[in-house]
Protein backbone atom coordinates (compact mmCIF):
# COMPACT_ATOMS: atom_id res chain seq x y z
CA MET A 1 55.23 -49.08 -0.01
CA ASN A 2 52.59 -49.91 -2.33
CA LEU A 3 53.46 -50.04 -6.19
CA PRO A 4 51.93 -46.78 -7.98
CA VAL A 5 48.77 -47.60 -10.06
CA ASN A 6 49.53 -49.54 -13.38
CA ALA A 7 53.16 -50.22 -11.97
CA HIS A 8 53.46 -54.03 -11.75
CA ARG A 9 57.00 -54.28 -10.44
CA ASP A 10 59.88 -52.72 -8.77
CA PRO A 11 61.08 -49.66 -10.47
CA ILE A 12 64.69 -51.15 -10.52
CA THR A 13 65.34 -54.60 -10.99
CA ILE A 14 68.99 -56.04 -11.60
CA MET A 15 69.07 -59.26 -13.56
CA ALA A 16 71.57 -62.29 -12.97
CA ASP A 17 73.90 -61.17 -16.02
CA GLY A 18 73.89 -57.56 -14.45
CA THR A 19 71.35 -56.06 -16.84
CA ILE A 20 69.40 -53.26 -14.89
CA LYS A 21 65.91 -52.80 -15.98
CA GLN A 22 63.92 -49.46 -14.83
CA VAL A 23 60.54 -48.61 -15.00
CA ASN A 24 59.95 -44.86 -14.35
CA PRO A 25 57.34 -44.73 -11.46
CA PHE A 26 55.57 -41.58 -13.01
CA SER A 27 55.54 -41.99 -16.41
CA GLY A 28 56.08 -45.82 -16.94
CA THR A 29 58.75 -45.56 -19.40
CA GLU A 30 60.99 -48.82 -19.39
CA VAL A 31 64.61 -48.67 -19.82
CA TRP A 32 67.40 -51.18 -19.83
CA THR A 33 70.94 -50.75 -18.97
CA VAL A 34 73.46 -53.24 -20.35
CA PRO A 35 76.76 -54.21 -18.45
CA GLY A 36 80.04 -53.02 -19.54
CA ARG A 37 78.80 -49.69 -21.20
CA GLY A 38 79.01 -47.37 -18.18
CA ASN A 39 82.69 -46.21 -18.54
CA ARG A 40 82.51 -44.53 -21.57
CA PRO A 41 83.55 -40.99 -21.60
CA LEU A 42 80.52 -38.54 -21.82
CA ALA A 43 81.80 -35.84 -23.54
CA LYS A 44 83.69 -35.44 -27.02
CA PRO A 45 86.24 -32.74 -26.84
CA ALA A 46 86.64 -30.56 -29.81
CA VAL A 47 88.98 -31.26 -32.55
CA ASP A 48 91.59 -28.43 -33.36
CA PRO A 49 89.84 -25.61 -31.49
CA ALA A 50 90.44 -22.38 -32.93
CA PRO A 51 91.83 -19.08 -31.27
CA LEU A 52 89.21 -16.45 -30.45
CA GLY A 53 89.44 -13.51 -32.73
CA PRO A 54 89.14 -9.94 -31.34
CA HIS A 55 85.21 -9.91 -31.88
CA ASP A 56 84.33 -13.39 -31.10
CA ARG A 57 83.52 -12.92 -27.45
CA ASP A 58 80.85 -10.51 -28.23
CA HIS A 59 79.78 -11.03 -31.77
CA ARG A 60 79.84 -14.86 -32.17
CA CYS A 61 76.14 -15.37 -32.65
CA ALA A 62 72.77 -13.55 -32.70
CA PHE A 63 72.48 -13.77 -28.77
CA CYS A 64 75.87 -12.22 -27.94
CA PRO A 65 75.58 -8.79 -26.28
CA ALA A 66 77.10 -6.62 -29.01
CA THR A 67 73.82 -7.21 -31.33
CA PRO A 68 70.93 -6.71 -28.93
CA LEU A 69 69.04 -5.79 -31.90
CA ALA A 70 69.57 -9.10 -33.66
CA THR A 71 66.80 -10.78 -31.42
CA PRO A 72 63.14 -9.22 -31.29
CA PRO A 73 62.57 -6.61 -28.76
CA GLU A 74 63.52 -7.50 -25.08
CA LYS A 75 60.84 -8.06 -22.83
CA SER A 76 63.30 -7.55 -19.74
CA ARG A 77 66.79 -7.85 -18.47
CA MET A 78 68.64 -8.95 -15.26
CA VAL A 79 71.32 -6.42 -14.36
CA ARG A 80 73.85 -6.06 -11.28
CA ASP A 81 72.56 -3.52 -8.53
CA GLY A 82 75.52 -3.06 -6.22
CA SER A 83 75.73 -6.55 -4.44
CA GLY A 84 72.20 -7.74 -5.55
CA TRP A 85 70.06 -8.02 -8.88
CA ARG A 86 67.46 -5.79 -10.43
CA ILE A 87 65.06 -6.42 -13.40
CA LEU A 88 64.41 -3.82 -15.97
CA ASN A 89 61.38 -4.18 -18.29
CA GLY A 90 60.69 -2.88 -21.74
CA LEU A 91 63.54 -0.72 -22.68
CA LEU A 92 63.58 1.17 -25.99
CA PRO A 93 66.52 0.63 -28.38
CA HIS A 94 68.40 3.90 -27.20
CA GLU A 95 68.37 2.49 -23.52
CA LEU A 96 69.85 -0.75 -24.14
CA ASP A 97 73.44 0.54 -23.63
CA ASP A 98 72.72 2.27 -20.43
CA THR A 99 73.28 -1.21 -18.49
CA VAL A 100 74.94 -4.56 -18.67
CA PRO A 101 72.43 -7.31 -18.79
CA GLU A 102 73.65 -10.56 -17.36
CA PHE A 103 70.59 -12.16 -18.73
CA ARG A 104 67.94 -11.00 -21.27
CA ARG A 105 64.32 -12.07 -21.90
CA VAL A 106 63.23 -11.80 -25.52
CA PRO A 107 60.65 -13.35 -27.74
CA ASN A 108 61.59 -16.22 -29.72
CA LEU A 109 61.86 -15.45 -33.45
CA PHE A 110 60.37 -18.72 -34.54
CA GLU A 111 57.65 -19.43 -31.90
CA ILE A 112 56.51 -23.13 -31.13
CA ILE A 113 53.19 -21.98 -30.53
CA SER A 114 52.37 -18.64 -32.28
CA TYR A 115 50.71 -15.50 -31.25
CA ASP A 116 48.04 -16.29 -33.96
CA TYR A 117 47.26 -19.50 -32.42
CA TRP A 118 46.22 -17.69 -29.14
CA ALA A 119 44.31 -15.00 -30.87
CA LYS A 120 42.43 -17.19 -33.48
CA ASN A 121 41.65 -20.47 -31.27
CA TYR A 122 40.87 -18.56 -28.08
CA GLY A 123 40.41 -14.90 -28.84
CA TYR A 124 43.47 -13.79 -27.03
CA GLU A 125 44.14 -10.07 -26.82
CA MET A 126 47.40 -8.44 -25.28
CA ASP A 127 46.89 -6.99 -21.85
CA SER A 128 46.62 -2.89 -21.77
CA GLU A 129 50.44 -2.85 -20.46
CA THR A 130 51.90 -4.77 -23.24
CA THR A 131 49.74 -3.11 -25.81
CA ALA A 132 50.83 0.42 -24.63
CA ARG A 133 54.48 -1.07 -24.65
CA MET A 134 54.26 -2.22 -28.25
CA ALA A 135 52.59 1.31 -29.04
CA THR A 136 55.49 3.19 -27.36
CA TYR A 137 58.17 0.95 -29.29
CA LEU A 138 56.92 1.33 -32.57
CA ALA A 139 56.45 5.05 -32.17
CA ASP A 140 60.31 5.26 -31.53
CA PRO A 141 61.84 5.31 -35.07
CA ALA A 142 64.58 2.97 -34.05
CA GLY A 143 62.22 0.75 -32.31
CA ARG A 144 59.94 0.67 -35.49
CA ARG A 145 63.05 0.06 -37.73
CA HIS A 146 63.98 -2.86 -35.39
CA VAL A 147 60.60 -4.45 -35.46
CA LEU A 148 60.42 -4.19 -39.46
CA ASP A 149 63.65 -5.83 -39.63
CA ILE A 150 62.95 -8.68 -37.42
CA VAL A 151 59.67 -9.32 -39.19
CA ARG A 152 61.75 -9.30 -42.65
CA THR A 153 63.95 -11.80 -41.22
CA ARG A 154 61.38 -14.19 -40.09
CA LEU A 155 59.59 -14.07 -43.29
CA THR A 156 62.86 -14.59 -45.44
CA ALA A 157 63.91 -17.41 -43.22
CA GLY A 158 60.24 -19.00 -43.80
CA GLY A 159 60.68 -18.78 -47.33
CA GLN A 160 58.15 -15.88 -47.66
CA SER A 161 58.56 -12.81 -49.46
CA ALA A 162 59.53 -9.73 -47.27
CA ASP A 163 58.71 -7.28 -49.99
CA LEU A 164 55.62 -5.84 -48.29
CA SER A 165 54.36 -2.26 -47.38
CA GLU A 166 55.22 -1.42 -43.51
CA GLU A 167 51.53 -1.72 -42.88
CA LYS A 168 51.52 -5.25 -43.84
CA LEU A 169 54.89 -5.89 -42.09
CA LEU A 170 53.54 -4.31 -38.94
CA GLU A 171 50.73 -7.07 -38.80
CA TYR A 172 53.25 -9.54 -37.63
CA ALA A 173 54.43 -7.20 -34.72
CA PRO A 174 52.15 -8.41 -31.81
CA ALA A 175 53.99 -11.72 -32.16
CA TYR A 176 56.94 -10.10 -30.74
CA PHE A 177 55.48 -8.22 -28.03
CA GLY A 178 52.60 -10.34 -26.66
CA GLY A 179 53.65 -13.83 -27.72
CA GLY A 180 54.22 -16.73 -25.31
CA HIS A 181 57.36 -17.98 -26.26
CA ASP A 182 60.46 -16.46 -24.59
CA VAL A 183 64.01 -17.14 -24.52
CA ILE A 184 66.41 -16.09 -21.63
CA ILE A 185 69.83 -15.56 -22.84
CA SER A 186 72.96 -15.40 -20.78
CA ARG A 187 75.72 -12.37 -21.29
CA ARG A 188 78.58 -14.80 -22.16
CA HIS A 189 79.04 -16.88 -24.96
CA PHE A 190 82.77 -17.81 -23.87
CA THR A 191 84.06 -18.05 -20.37
CA ASP A 192 85.89 -15.01 -19.31
CA GLU A 193 89.29 -16.83 -19.21
CA ALA A 194 88.68 -18.48 -22.68
CA THR A 195 91.22 -18.12 -25.28
CA HIS A 196 89.80 -20.96 -27.93
CA ASP A 197 86.30 -21.35 -29.31
CA ASN A 198 85.88 -24.78 -27.33
CA GLU A 199 85.57 -22.91 -24.03
CA LEU A 200 82.19 -22.22 -23.94
CA ALA A 201 80.24 -20.60 -20.99
CA SER A 202 77.62 -22.93 -19.60
CA SER A 203 75.19 -23.24 -16.73
CA GLY A 204 78.12 -24.86 -14.68
CA THR A 205 80.73 -22.11 -15.45
CA LEU A 206 78.73 -19.58 -13.84
CA THR A 207 79.28 -18.59 -10.13
CA PRO A 208 76.38 -19.85 -7.86
CA GLU A 209 75.30 -16.29 -7.45
CA GLU A 210 75.06 -15.90 -10.99
CA HIS A 211 73.08 -18.86 -11.44
CA PHE A 212 70.74 -18.09 -8.69
CA ALA A 213 69.95 -14.70 -10.65
CA LEU A 214 69.29 -16.90 -13.82
CA THR A 215 66.90 -18.96 -11.78
CA LEU A 216 65.21 -16.00 -10.32
CA PHE A 217 64.91 -14.29 -13.73
CA THR A 218 63.43 -17.39 -15.38
CA ILE A 219 61.01 -17.70 -12.62
CA ASP A 220 59.83 -14.14 -13.18
CA GLY A 221 59.36 -14.94 -16.79
CA ILE A 222 57.41 -18.01 -16.17
CA ASP A 223 54.90 -15.78 -13.73
CA ASP A 224 55.05 -12.99 -16.18
CA LEU A 225 53.64 -15.35 -18.99
CA TYR A 226 50.91 -16.81 -16.68
CA GLN A 227 49.64 -13.29 -15.58
CA ARG A 228 49.53 -12.12 -19.35
CA ASN A 229 47.72 -14.98 -20.88
CA ARG A 230 44.61 -16.51 -19.03
CA TYR A 231 44.53 -19.28 -21.47
CA ALA A 232 47.54 -20.91 -20.75
CA PRO A 233 47.28 -23.45 -17.80
CA TYR A 234 51.02 -24.40 -17.99
CA VAL A 235 54.06 -22.76 -19.04
CA ALA A 236 56.92 -25.25 -19.97
CA ALA A 237 60.54 -24.32 -19.01
CA PHE A 238 63.43 -25.95 -20.40
CA GLN A 239 67.23 -25.68 -21.68
CA ASN A 240 68.87 -27.28 -24.50
CA TRP A 241 72.68 -27.24 -24.22
CA LEU A 242 74.87 -27.98 -27.30
CA ALA A 243 73.59 -29.06 -30.69
CA PRO A 244 72.99 -32.90 -29.97
CA ALA A 245 70.32 -31.69 -27.05
CA GLY A 246 68.58 -29.40 -29.72
CA ALA A 247 70.36 -26.08 -29.33
CA SER A 248 70.49 -23.67 -32.26
CA PHE A 249 73.26 -21.69 -30.75
CA ASP A 250 76.38 -22.81 -28.56
CA HIS A 251 75.15 -19.76 -26.22
CA LEU A 252 73.71 -20.60 -22.80
CA HIS A 253 70.02 -19.93 -22.80
CA LYS A 254 66.53 -21.34 -21.59
CA GLN A 255 63.06 -21.27 -23.31
CA LEU A 256 59.79 -20.45 -21.78
CA VAL A 257 56.81 -21.72 -23.61
CA ALA A 258 53.12 -21.09 -22.75
CA ILE A 259 50.78 -24.01 -23.52
CA ASP A 260 47.07 -24.81 -23.56
CA ALA A 261 47.13 -28.67 -22.80
CA ARG A 262 48.95 -31.24 -20.57
CA SER A 263 50.79 -33.91 -22.49
CA VAL A 264 49.78 -37.38 -22.21
CA GLN A 265 52.59 -38.03 -20.02
CA ALA A 266 51.66 -35.30 -17.49
CA GLU A 267 48.11 -36.52 -17.46
CA LEU A 268 49.29 -40.13 -16.62
CA GLU A 269 51.46 -38.72 -13.81
CA ILE A 270 48.53 -36.60 -12.62
CA SER A 271 46.38 -39.70 -12.42
CA ARG A 272 48.99 -41.85 -10.34
CA LEU A 273 49.11 -38.47 -8.19
CA ARG A 274 45.50 -38.71 -7.34
CA ASN A 275 45.95 -42.22 -6.40
CA ASN A 276 48.92 -41.66 -4.03
CA HIS A 277 49.45 -37.94 -2.92
CA ASN A 278 52.77 -38.75 -1.55
CA ILE A 279 53.97 -40.52 -4.65
CA TYR A 280 57.07 -38.06 -5.19
CA ASN A 281 58.26 -38.74 -1.64
CA GLU A 282 57.71 -42.41 -1.78
CA TRP A 283 58.75 -43.09 -5.41
CA GLY A 284 61.04 -40.49 -6.01
CA VAL A 285 63.37 -39.19 -3.30
CA ASP A 286 62.61 -42.01 -0.71
CA TYR A 287 62.93 -44.84 -2.95
CA ALA A 288 66.18 -43.20 -4.41
CA GLY A 289 67.44 -43.00 -0.74
CA TYR A 290 66.77 -46.77 -0.16
CA ARG A 291 68.87 -47.75 -3.48
CA ASN A 292 71.74 -45.31 -2.33
CA LEU A 293 71.02 -42.85 -5.46
CA ILE A 294 71.09 -39.66 -3.24
CA ILE A 295 73.68 -37.38 -4.80
CA ALA A 296 73.50 -34.37 -2.82
CA GLU A 297 71.15 -32.21 -0.64
CA ASN A 298 70.80 -28.75 1.14
CA GLU A 299 68.18 -27.48 3.61
CA HIS A 300 65.65 -26.56 0.64
CA ALA A 301 66.52 -29.20 -2.15
CA VAL A 302 67.82 -32.73 -2.94
CA VAL A 303 69.31 -34.60 -6.06
CA HIS A 304 69.33 -38.15 -6.87
CA ALA A 305 70.31 -40.27 -9.98
CA GLY A 306 67.17 -40.61 -12.06
CA PHE A 307 65.64 -44.09 -12.91
CA GLY A 308 63.49 -45.08 -15.70
CA HIS A 309 64.56 -42.17 -18.06
CA ARG A 310 65.50 -42.55 -22.00
CA TYR A 311 68.85 -40.47 -20.82
CA PRO A 312 71.10 -40.58 -18.03
CA THR A 313 69.06 -38.24 -15.72
CA LEU A 314 69.73 -36.15 -12.47
CA THR A 315 66.52 -35.25 -10.63
CA ILE A 316 66.38 -32.45 -8.24
CA TYR A 317 63.34 -31.78 -6.05
CA SER A 318 62.40 -28.71 -4.22
CA ARG A 319 61.73 -29.48 -0.42
CA SER A 320 59.36 -26.43 -0.30
CA ALA A 321 55.80 -26.68 0.93
CA THR A 322 54.88 -24.29 -1.69
CA PRO A 323 54.34 -25.92 -5.17
CA GLU A 324 54.54 -22.47 -7.35
CA PRO A 325 58.43 -21.54 -7.59
CA TRP A 326 57.08 -17.73 -8.28
CA LEU A 327 55.63 -17.82 -4.56
CA MET A 328 58.52 -19.59 -2.87
CA SER A 329 61.16 -17.60 -0.72
CA ASN A 330 64.46 -16.63 -2.10
CA ALA A 331 66.12 -18.91 0.30
CA GLU A 332 63.69 -21.84 -1.19
CA ILE A 333 64.90 -20.92 -4.89
CA ARG A 334 68.38 -20.61 -3.86
CA GLY A 335 68.46 -24.06 -2.49
CA MET A 336 67.25 -25.43 -5.83
CA SER A 337 69.54 -23.23 -7.95
CA ASP A 338 72.50 -24.19 -6.07
CA LEU A 339 72.02 -28.02 -6.70
CA ILE A 340 71.08 -27.25 -10.25
CA HIS A 341 74.28 -25.35 -10.77
CA ALA A 342 76.26 -28.20 -8.91
CA CYS A 343 74.85 -30.79 -11.33
CA HIS A 344 75.73 -28.81 -14.26
CA ALA A 345 79.29 -27.96 -13.01
CA ALA A 346 79.86 -31.70 -12.23
CA THR A 347 78.75 -32.65 -15.48
CA GLY A 348 80.66 -30.50 -17.36
CA PRO A 349 80.51 -27.84 -20.43
CA ASP A 350 81.28 -30.43 -22.77
CA VAL A 351 78.42 -32.95 -22.40
CA PRO A 352 75.14 -32.04 -24.25
CA VAL A 353 72.09 -31.74 -21.83
CA ASN A 354 68.38 -30.99 -21.63
CA GLU A 355 67.29 -29.23 -18.34
CA GLU A 356 63.57 -29.65 -17.86
CA TRP A 357 61.48 -27.86 -15.29
CA HIS A 358 58.17 -29.31 -13.81
CA HIS A 359 55.74 -27.70 -11.73
CA ARG A 360 52.00 -27.65 -10.60
CA PRO A 361 49.89 -26.67 -13.51
CA VAL A 362 47.98 -23.56 -12.37
CA ASP A 363 44.47 -25.34 -13.14
CA LEU A 364 45.39 -28.45 -11.01
CA ASP A 365 43.87 -29.02 -7.74
CA LEU A 366 46.69 -31.39 -6.33
CA PRO A 367 49.90 -30.02 -5.03
CA MET A 368 53.09 -30.88 -6.90
CA PRO A 369 56.86 -30.22 -5.82
CA TRP A 370 58.86 -28.19 -8.31
CA ARG A 371 61.35 -30.58 -9.79
CA VAL A 372 64.08 -30.21 -12.38
CA ASN A 373 65.40 -33.09 -14.51
CA ILE A 374 68.89 -32.87 -15.99
CA LYS A 375 69.29 -35.31 -19.02
CA TRP A 376 72.76 -36.05 -20.60
CA ARG A 377 72.19 -36.59 -24.30
CA VAL A 378 74.97 -38.93 -24.70
CA SER A 379 73.17 -41.78 -26.84
CA THR A 380 71.08 -41.87 -29.84
CA LEU A 381 67.75 -43.50 -30.06
CA ALA A 382 67.52 -46.28 -32.74
CA GLY A 383 65.21 -48.86 -34.23
CA PHE A 384 65.33 -51.17 -31.07
CA GLU A 385 63.84 -48.17 -29.14
CA GLY A 386 61.42 -47.42 -31.74
CA GLY A 387 60.25 -50.71 -32.31
CA THR A 388 59.75 -52.01 -28.47
CA LYS A 389 59.51 -48.72 -26.73
CA ILE A 390 62.24 -50.29 -24.39
CA PHE A 391 64.94 -47.65 -24.31
CA VAL A 392 68.65 -48.63 -23.83
CA ASN A 393 70.55 -46.31 -21.55
CA THR A 394 74.25 -46.75 -21.47
CA LEU A 395 74.62 -45.54 -17.83
CA SER A 396 72.98 -47.06 -14.78
CA PRO A 397 71.62 -45.02 -11.74
CA ASP A 398 74.64 -46.15 -9.96
CA ASN A 399 77.07 -45.00 -12.63
CA VAL A 400 75.40 -41.53 -12.86
CA ARG A 401 75.71 -41.36 -8.82
CA ASP A 402 79.27 -42.21 -8.66
CA ARG A 403 80.46 -39.84 -11.67
CA MET A 404 78.48 -37.07 -9.83
CA VAL A 405 79.61 -37.72 -6.37
CA SER A 406 83.25 -37.64 -7.19
CA ALA A 407 83.14 -34.45 -9.15
CA MET A 408 81.09 -32.57 -6.63
CA TYR A 409 83.38 -33.29 -3.80
CA ARG A 410 86.18 -31.96 -5.85
CA LEU A 411 84.21 -28.81 -7.11
CA ARG A 412 83.20 -28.20 -3.43
CA ASP A 413 86.97 -28.41 -2.47
CA GLU A 414 87.64 -25.81 -5.21
CA GLY A 415 84.84 -23.43 -4.09
CA ARG A 416 83.16 -23.81 -7.24
CA ILE A 417 79.73 -24.95 -5.95
CA ALA A 418 77.82 -23.76 -3.06
CA GLN A 419 79.53 -24.71 0.32
CA ASP A 420 76.47 -25.80 2.27
CA ILE A 421 75.99 -28.62 -0.44
CA ARG A 422 75.96 -32.05 1.77
CA ILE A 423 77.09 -34.95 -0.74
CA ALA A 424 76.56 -38.71 -0.43
CA THR A 425 76.91 -40.00 3.00
CA GLU A 426 76.83 -36.47 4.37
CA CYS A 427 73.17 -36.55 3.55
CA SER A 428 70.58 -36.93 6.24
CA ALA A 429 68.32 -39.68 4.23
CA ARG A 430 65.52 -38.49 6.00
CA ARG A 431 62.23 -39.76 4.67
CA ASN A 432 58.98 -37.61 3.49
CA SER A 433 61.39 -34.44 3.10
CA LEU A 434 59.52 -33.00 0.32
CA LEU A 435 56.73 -31.16 1.95
CA TYR A 436 54.39 -30.25 -0.97
CA ASN A 437 52.08 -32.95 0.56
CA PRO A 438 49.90 -30.96 3.12
CA LEU A 439 49.83 -33.89 5.38
CA LEU A 440 53.51 -33.65 6.09
CA GLN A 441 53.35 -29.70 6.63
């Protein structure tokens, strides 16, 4: 293999004293793992968890199912339909109790990129369908009250006066219908069996079928944001789990953010992809295979212990020839979902994690595989990292692999993850298994 452009050494180098130096082949991030620190527990169990009260399960936070009007107007919801799933769009307040949503998509009350950003910088206007939905919602008395309450909440939280006329308050309404920052909220705050407030419902406590529905619903939201904003070349999708990972609520949710520019890191990765179209095979999955870092696979996806990341990382790749998740078959999406779910289940609900989705920007002329990084937020960046840009990672890729493999064997035996997942030495280790590269199709 040829080293990727601007990379001058092997991504993983083991020093004589056991220090492991890593360089991410896509971003150039440098990471060291110091010997003797890999056996520390990842999670910090709750101290003196409190028993759940009669209303805690449904009223614990603003994302809980008993208070659907605590969030901005719902864009869509995923409900069970017999043995399958169905998406309902744009319900009015009086229709919310007619079905039980397993997942809801709502605008973020505090947008990262605001509606005004798109309107004032690009002349963005809502499409006719969204405009009609907003008009219908505001014409409904309960809907109008809901929007006014949401705007007042936002203004008050921002230290602004909410003592405005209805006309002035409603000037903020478009942000909660046509904005580009959405939250996807799971129904449960706690597991169905929970008796205490430390028994949270995480991605890994969902069933594989429920996680597949969440993945489908997330992809539908990404596609919808692309369709409704012609100025957004990329929609970032991510999940923050627990406060150390940046979560505002200990309630399972993902976020989708339409953005108008690629990051410096994305541009660097694209430049390396232009130099070697097969980089994700050669310096992702195949390299991980040579280093015995493959954790698990199925027909449509593969996961390996990541290298060159600031935090211990699991990287899941789609093997689909289609770069866009919203154009993939359900079987291809299910393969990715099952491995993502298995990684969360094996990690455990007490570990703070970030789940980061990566796919090809819609204006890029090169194919990229859909891939997901799950990062364990188990260390704190300090002065050494800030001063040197060398990050100290407490777990080596081998440590991560060993923890995950043993946990996945147990979970598969217990029937808690998909049964067609092949683990460790069961994996095929075939080269060039990512078919995004047209030369491999």
